[in-house]
Protein backbone atom coordinates (compact mmCIF):
# COMPACT_ATOMS: atom_id res chain seq x y z
CA MET A 1 -5.41 6.59 0.46
CA LEU A 2 -4.22 10.16 -0.36
CA ARG A 3 -4.30 11.18 3.32
CA GLU A 4 -2.23 8.10 4.38
CA ARG A 5 0.32 8.80 1.49
CA ALA A 6 0.67 12.37 2.83
CA GLN A 7 1.34 11.05 6.38
CA VAL A 8 4.04 8.66 4.99
CA ALA A 9 5.55 11.45 3.02
CA ASP A 10 5.77 13.56 6.13
CA LEU A 11 7.36 10.82 8.08
CA LEU A 12 9.90 10.12 5.46
CA ALA A 13 10.70 13.76 5.25
CA GLU A 14 11.28 13.86 9.06
CA SER A 15 13.28 10.60 8.90
CA PRO A 16 14.85 10.14 5.46
CA SER A 17 16.77 7.10 6.56
CA LEU A 18 13.36 5.24 6.80
CA ARG A 19 13.11 5.31 2.99
CA GLN A 20 15.49 2.35 2.63
CA GLU A 21 12.97 0.41 4.67
CA VAL A 22 10.02 1.09 2.34
CA PRO A 23 10.37 -1.99 0.13
CA ALA A 24 10.69 -4.38 2.97
CA ILE A 25 7.65 -2.84 4.60
CA ILE A 26 5.60 -3.10 1.45
CA ALA A 27 6.61 -6.72 1.05
CA ARG A 28 5.76 -7.61 4.60
CA ARG A 29 2.44 -5.70 4.71
CA LEU A 30 1.12 -6.62 1.21
CA PRO A 31 -0.17 -10.04 1.79
CA LEU A 32 -2.31 -8.88 4.80
CA ALA A 33 -3.59 -5.93 2.83
CA ARG A 34 -4.66 -8.14 0.00
CA ARG A 35 -6.51 -10.54 2.44
CA ILE A 36 -8.35 -7.54 3.93
CA VAL A 37 -9.45 -6.30 0.48
CA ALA A 38 -10.56 -9.75 -0.49
CA ARG A 39 -12.67 -10.08 2.65
CA GLU A 40 -14.15 -6.62 2.07
CA LEU A 41 -15.04 -7.41 -1.49
CA ALA A 42 -16.58 -10.79 -0.47
CA ALA A 43 -18.89 -9.06 1.96
CA TYR A 44 -20.40 -7.51 -1.18
CA GLY A 45 -20.28 -10.64 -3.31
CA GLU A 46 -17.39 -9.37 -5.30
CA VAL A 47 -14.29 -11.26 -6.35
CA PRO A 48 -11.07 -9.32 -6.48
CA ALA A 49 -9.25 -8.84 -9.75
CA ASP A 50 -5.70 -10.18 -10.27
CA PRO A 51 -3.77 -7.76 -8.03
CA PRO A 52 -1.47 -5.30 -9.58
CA GLU A 53 2.24 -5.44 -8.95
CA LEU A 54 2.98 -2.91 -6.24
CA ASP A 55 6.19 -1.22 -5.70
CA GLU A 56 7.39 1.87 -3.85
CA ALA A 57 6.48 4.15 -6.65
CA ARG A 58 2.91 2.90 -6.86
CA VAL A 59 2.50 2.71 -3.14
CA LEU A 60 3.78 6.16 -2.39
CA GLY A 61 3.13 7.98 -5.75
CA GLU A 62 0.07 9.25 -7.41
CA TRP A 63 -1.23 5.87 -8.86
CA LEU A 64 -4.62 4.82 -7.85
CA PRO A 65 -6.09 1.40 -8.15
């Protein structure tokens, strides 16, 4: 997760205009990410907890689930 955040930070530094697209990208990708996590947890007999609200600050910041 930290490696991916660093890659995104580099990309946004190289192309600052992309920052305005981040909320839409999160909204578009979040449902798939949640399905993937649910499948992975199910493989171990786990049930996902209620998902946290994710925004740009949480996705790109220091917050860890």
